[in-house]
């Protein structure tokens, strides 16, 4: 599943559908998360599941931090490093290939950690959070944004492997995340809802898929799901967001 998720979000087709925003709210939500943890110039930031590297690059450019990004996909790591180097950030931003459940960093290496729309796809969520706690210094902060779900109220369409790749199938409730943090020795300081960002992203992807179908385009070879199935999944997700059984939130957590 880790490899499937990493490959999916590295897919050019998926990146086009998402319009460059690999999580709800895109840079706006990233910026808000970093503001909430009060990231400061010169601090050391780890971006777990860094993907294209855009969040780590933003953090270095706008907040003046020293950023490391970790991703499961070697292709994503190479592309992210090329982007950072092209932006003149070689001395401030670096990316490595690795597993969030076995972070390749010493204890207390970072002042802050960022994890966006990824924990819900990790099979070993508890282990990943314990690893995040380990690499944070005492008093360090975690900004985690992710899909939240009231699973008993979700429709069957929003379950299974495809929904997991879409960050829905294994998402937790607010309480579920809080319990996971507590079990890892982390304390939730604040939770900010970003449901509107999730709905806006789903609407944009839905419109792009409809346009593709109207123009007669088939699903790209690297797409994990057909257009008709994707439209049904998105429609179900938007209904769930409207009903309050599905959403998105930023969790601010301290060690």
Protein backbone atom coordinates (compact mmCIF):
# COMPACT_ATOMS: atom_id res chain seq x y z
CA UNK A 1 0.00 0.00 0.00
CA UNK A 2 2.86 2.40 0.75
CA UNK A 3 4.32 1.85 -2.71
CA UNK A 4 0.89 2.16 -4.33
CA UNK A 5 0.16 5.47 -2.61
CA UNK A 6 3.60 6.87 -3.40
CA UNK A 7 3.33 5.88 -7.05
CA UNK A 8 -0.19 7.27 -7.32
CA UNK A 9 0.74 10.75 -6.11
CA UNK A 10 3.89 10.77 -8.26
CA UNK A 11 1.71 10.11 -11.32
CA UNK A 12 1.56 13.05 -13.78
CA UNK A 13 -2.11 12.25 -14.38
CA UNK A 14 -2.96 12.53 -10.69
CA UNK A 15 -0.91 15.71 -10.31
CA UNK A 16 -2.81 17.25 -13.24
CA UNK A 17 -6.17 16.25 -11.75
CA UNK A 18 -5.24 17.78 -8.41
CA UNK A 19 -4.14 20.98 -10.10
CA UNK A 20 -0.79 21.03 -8.32
CA UNK A 21 -2.39 20.74 -4.87
CA UNK A 22 -1.58 17.32 -3.43
CA UNK A 23 -3.66 18.08 -0.34
CA UNK A 24 -6.73 20.25 0.35
CA UNK A 25 -5.91 23.94 0.40
CA UNK A 26 -2.47 23.48 -1.13
CA UNK A 27 0.07 26.14 -0.16
CA UNK A 28 -2.56 28.08 1.79
CA UNK A 29 -3.11 25.18 4.19
CA UNK A 30 0.62 24.49 4.43
CA UNK A 31 1.30 28.12 5.29
CA UNK A 32 -1.43 28.07 7.93
CA UNK A 33 -0.06 24.89 9.50
CA UNK A 34 3.42 26.39 9.76
CA UNK A 35 2.01 29.58 11.26
CA UNK A 36 0.12 27.56 13.87
CA UNK A 37 3.31 25.83 15.05
CA UNK A 38 5.08 29.23 15.00
CA UNK A 39 7.92 28.00 12.82
CA UNK A 40 10.88 30.36 13.19
CA UNK A 41 13.92 31.30 11.15
CA UNK A 42 16.81 28.89 11.59
CA UNK A 43 14.70 26.08 13.06
CA UNK A 44 15.02 22.55 11.74
CA UNK A 45 11.88 21.21 10.02
CA UNK A 46 11.16 17.67 8.82
CA UNK A 47 8.46 17.21 6.16
CA UNK A 48 7.27 13.59 6.39
CA UNK A 49 5.94 12.23 3.06
CA UNK A 50 7.24 15.34 1.31
CA UNK A 51 6.05 14.41 -2.20
CA UNK A 52 6.96 17.10 -4.74
CA UNK A 53 8.87 19.03 -2.08
CA UNK A 54 6.72 22.14 -2.43
CA UNK A 55 5.93 22.40 1.29
CA UNK A 56 9.55 22.10 2.43
CA UNK A 57 10.56 24.66 -0.18
CA UNK A 58 7.80 27.03 0.95
CA UNK A 59 8.90 26.62 4.58
CA UNK A 60 12.50 27.54 3.73
CA UNK A 61 11.59 30.45 1.48
CA UNK A 62 8.90 32.06 3.64
CA UNK A 63 9.87 31.02 7.18
CA UNK A 64 13.65 30.83 6.85
CA UNK A 65 13.92 27.33 8.32
CA UNK A 66 16.30 24.52 7.44
CA UNK A 67 14.09 21.83 5.91
CA UNK A 68 14.50 18.11 5.32
CA UNK A 69 11.95 16.14 3.34
CA UNK A 70 11.41 12.38 3.47
CA UNK A 71 9.39 10.39 0.95
CA UNK A 72 8.88 6.71 0.13
CA UNK A 73 9.21 7.34 -3.62
CA UNK A 74 12.76 7.69 -5.01
CA UNK A 75 11.36 9.47 -8.06
CA UNK A 76 9.63 12.04 -5.86
CA UNK A 77 12.83 12.58 -3.84
CA UNK A 78 14.88 13.22 -6.99
CA UNK A 79 12.32 15.62 -8.45
CA UNK A 80 11.92 17.47 -5.15
CA UNK A 81 15.67 17.95 -4.77
CA UNK A 82 15.91 19.25 -8.32
CA UNK A 83 13.17 21.79 -7.54
CA UNK A 84 14.91 22.92 -4.34
CA UNK A 85 18.25 23.26 -6.11
CA UNK A 86 16.65 25.21 -8.96
CA UNK A 87 15.17 27.59 -6.38
CA UNK A 88 18.65 28.26 -4.98
CA UNK A 89 17.96 26.38 -1.74
CA UNK A 90 20.62 23.69 -1.91
CA UNK A 91 22.03 24.79 1.48
CA UNK A 92 18.64 24.96 3.20
CA UNK A 93 16.51 22.11 1.78
CA UNK A 94 17.38 18.45 1.28
CA UNK A 95 15.34 15.33 0.53
CA UNK A 96 15.93 11.68 1.36
CA UNK A 97 14.19 8.44 0.50
CA UNK A 98 12.80 6.60 3.50
CA UNK A 99 9.95 5.11 5.49
CA UNK A 100 7.98 7.23 7.94
CA UNK A 101 7.83 4.22 10.26
CA UNK A 102 11.66 4.04 10.40
CA UNK A 103 12.90 7.62 10.16
CA UNK A 104 16.63 7.74 9.29
CA UNK A 105 17.43 10.57 11.72
CA UNK A 106 18.92 10.69 15.24
CA UNK A 107 16.81 11.42 18.31
CA UNK A 108 15.89 15.08 18.78
CA UNK A 109 17.04 16.13 15.32
CA UNK A 110 14.19 18.56 14.60
CA UNK A 111 12.41 21.52 16.15
CA UNK A 112 9.26 20.87 14.13
CA UNK A 113 7.65 18.25 11.89
CA UNK A 114 5.11 18.71 9.10
CA UNK A 115 2.97 15.81 7.81
CA UNK A 116 0.27 16.56 5.26
CA UNK A 117 -2.51 14.23 4.09
CA UNK A 118 -0.29 11.18 4.63
CA UNK A 119 -0.75 9.58 8.05
CA UNK A 120 -4.14 8.21 6.99
CA UNK A 121 -2.38 6.11 4.31
CA UNK A 122 0.30 4.69 6.62
CA UNK A 123 -0.34 1.07 7.68
CA UNK A 124 1.75 1.65 10.83
CA UNK A 125 0.31 4.94 12.06
CA UNK A 126 1.29 4.39 15.70
CA UNK A 127 4.86 3.54 14.75
CA UNK A 128 5.12 6.61 12.50
CA UNK A 129 3.96 8.88 15.32
CA UNK A 130 6.40 7.29 17.76
CA UNK A 131 9.16 7.92 15.24
CA UNK A 132 8.06 11.53 14.82
CA UNK A 133 8.16 11.98 18.58
CA UNK A 134 11.62 10.42 18.72
CA UNK A 135 13.14 12.81 16.17
CA UNK A 136 11.51 15.89 17.74
CA UNK A 137 13.44 17.73 20.44
CA UNK A 138 11.69 18.16 23.82
CA UNK A 139 9.10 20.89 23.31
CA UNK A 140 9.12 20.33 19.54
CA UNK A 141 5.95 20.77 17.51
CA UNK A 142 4.09 18.72 14.93
CA UNK A 143 1.66 20.15 12.37
CA UNK A 144 -0.35 17.28 10.94
CA UNK A 145 -3.11 17.90 8.43
CA UNK A 146 -5.25 14.99 7.34
CA UNK A 147 -8.60 13.62 6.32
CA UNK A 148 -10.99 12.99 9.21
CA UNK A 149 -13.87 10.54 8.96
CA UNK A 150 -16.80 9.45 11.07
CA UNK A 151 -16.51 5.91 9.78
CA UNK A 152 -19.84 4.48 11.01
CA UNK A 153 -21.63 7.18 8.98
CA UNK A 154 -19.63 6.76 5.76
CA UNK A 155 -21.19 5.08 2.74
CA UNK A 156 -19.67 1.77 1.55
CA UNK A 157 -18.40 3.61 -1.56
CA UNK A 158 -15.93 5.45 0.68
CA UNK A 159 -14.10 2.34 1.82
CA UNK A 160 -11.65 -0.16 0.38
CA UNK A 161 -8.28 0.07 -1.40
CA UNK A 162 -9.13 2.85 -3.86
CA UNK A 163 -10.59 4.98 -1.10
CA UNK A 164 -7.43 4.40 0.93
CA UNK A 165 -5.28 5.70 -1.92
CA UNK A 166 -7.65 8.69 -2.05
CA UNK A 167 -6.89 9.35 1.66
CA UNK A 168 -10.35 8.28 2.79
CA UNK A 169 -10.37 4.53 3.34
CA UNK A 170 -8.21 4.50 6.48
CA UNK A 171 -8.81 8.01 7.81
CA UNK A 172 -9.71 8.37 11.50
CA UNK A 173 -12.13 10.49 13.47
CA UNK A 174 -10.92 13.53 15.39
CA UNK A 175 -10.97 11.39 18.53
CA UNK A 176 -9.09 8.60 16.77
CA UNK A 177 -6.22 10.90 15.89
CA UNK A 178 -6.13 12.39 19.39
CA UNK A 179 -5.94 8.88 20.88
CA UNK A 180 -3.07 7.98 18.53
CA UNK A 181 -1.16 11.10 19.50
CA UNK A 182 -1.64 10.37 23.19
CA UNK A 183 -0.45 6.78 22.78
CA UNK A 184 2.73 8.11 21.13
CA UNK A 185 3.38 10.54 23.98
CA UNK A 186 2.23 13.61 22.06
CA UNK A 187 -0.22 16.29 23.23
CA UNK A 188 -2.79 18.00 21.00
CA UNK A 189 -2.67 21.77 21.48
CA UNK A 190 -5.23 22.78 18.83
CA UNK A 191 -7.38 21.45 15.99
CA UNK A 192 -8.45 23.64 13.06
CA UNK A 193 -11.11 22.47 10.61
CA UNK A 194 -10.37 22.81 6.89
CA UNK A 195 -13.49 21.09 5.53
CA UNK A 196 -14.09 23.85 2.96
CA UNK A 197 -10.65 23.19 1.45
CA UNK A 198 -11.48 19.48 1.09
CA UNK A 199 -14.75 20.24 -0.69
CA UNK A 200 -13.07 22.76 -3.01
CA UNK A 201 -10.42 20.20 -4.01
CA UNK A 202 -13.05 17.50 -4.62
CA UNK A 203 -15.09 19.93 -6.74
CA UNK A 204 -12.08 20.92 -8.84
CA UNK A 205 -11.08 17.32 -9.51
CA UNK A 206 -14.71 16.44 -10.31
CA UNK A 207 -14.88 19.26 -12.88
CA UNK A 208 -11.61 18.20 -14.52
CA UNK A 209 -12.77 14.59 -14.76
CA UNK A 210 -16.11 15.61 -16.29
CA UNK A 211 -14.33 17.78 -18.85
CA UNK A 212 -12.03 14.87 -19.74
CA UNK A 213 -14.98 12.57 -20.28
CA UNK A 214 -16.89 15.13 -22.36
CA UNK A 215 -13.82 15.59 -24.57
CA UNK A 216 -13.59 11.84 -25.02
CA UNK A 217 -10.34 11.28 -23.16
CA UNK A 218 -9.81 7.86 -21.62
CA UNK A 219 -8.27 7.35 -18.20
CA UNK A 220 -4.46 7.63 -18.43
CA UNK A 221 -2.57 4.36 -18.28
CA UNK A 222 -1.03 5.32 -14.93
CA UNK A 223 -4.35 6.29 -13.32
CA UNK A 224 -5.41 3.88 -10.53
CA UNK A 225 -9.13 4.27 -11.25
CA UNK A 226 -11.40 4.87 -14.25
CA UNK A 227 -13.12 8.21 -14.85
CA UNK A 228 -16.64 6.95 -14.12
CA UNK A 229 -15.59 5.24 -10.88
CA UNK A 230 -13.62 8.33 -9.83
CA UNK A 231 -16.65 10.57 -10.44
CA UNK A 232 -18.80 8.30 -8.28
CA UNK A 233 -16.17 8.33 -5.52
CA UNK A 234 -15.91 12.12 -5.61
CA UNK A 235 -19.68 12.58 -5.57
CA UNK A 236 -19.92 10.32 -2.52
CA UNK A 237 -17.07 12.22 -0.84
CA UNK A 238 -18.74 15.60 -1.42
CA UNK A 239 -22.01 14.30 0.03
CA UNK A 240 -20.12 13.05 3.09
CA UNK A 241 -18.37 16.42 3.52
CA UNK A 242 -21.72 18.22 3.34
CA UNK A 243 -23.20 15.81 5.91
CA UNK A 244 -20.24 16.21 8.25
CA UNK A 245 -19.07 12.59 8.15
CA UNK A 246 -15.93 13.45 6.15
CA UNK A 247 -13.61 16.44 6.45
CA UNK A 248 -10.09 17.76 6.77
CA UNK A 249 -8.26 19.28 9.73
CA UNK A 250 -4.92 20.58 10.96
CA UNK A 251 -3.76 19.09 14.27
CA UNK A 252 -1.18 21.07 16.23
CA UNK A 253 0.70 18.69 18.52
CA UNK A 254 3.59 19.08 20.95
CA UNK A 255 6.20 16.71 22.34
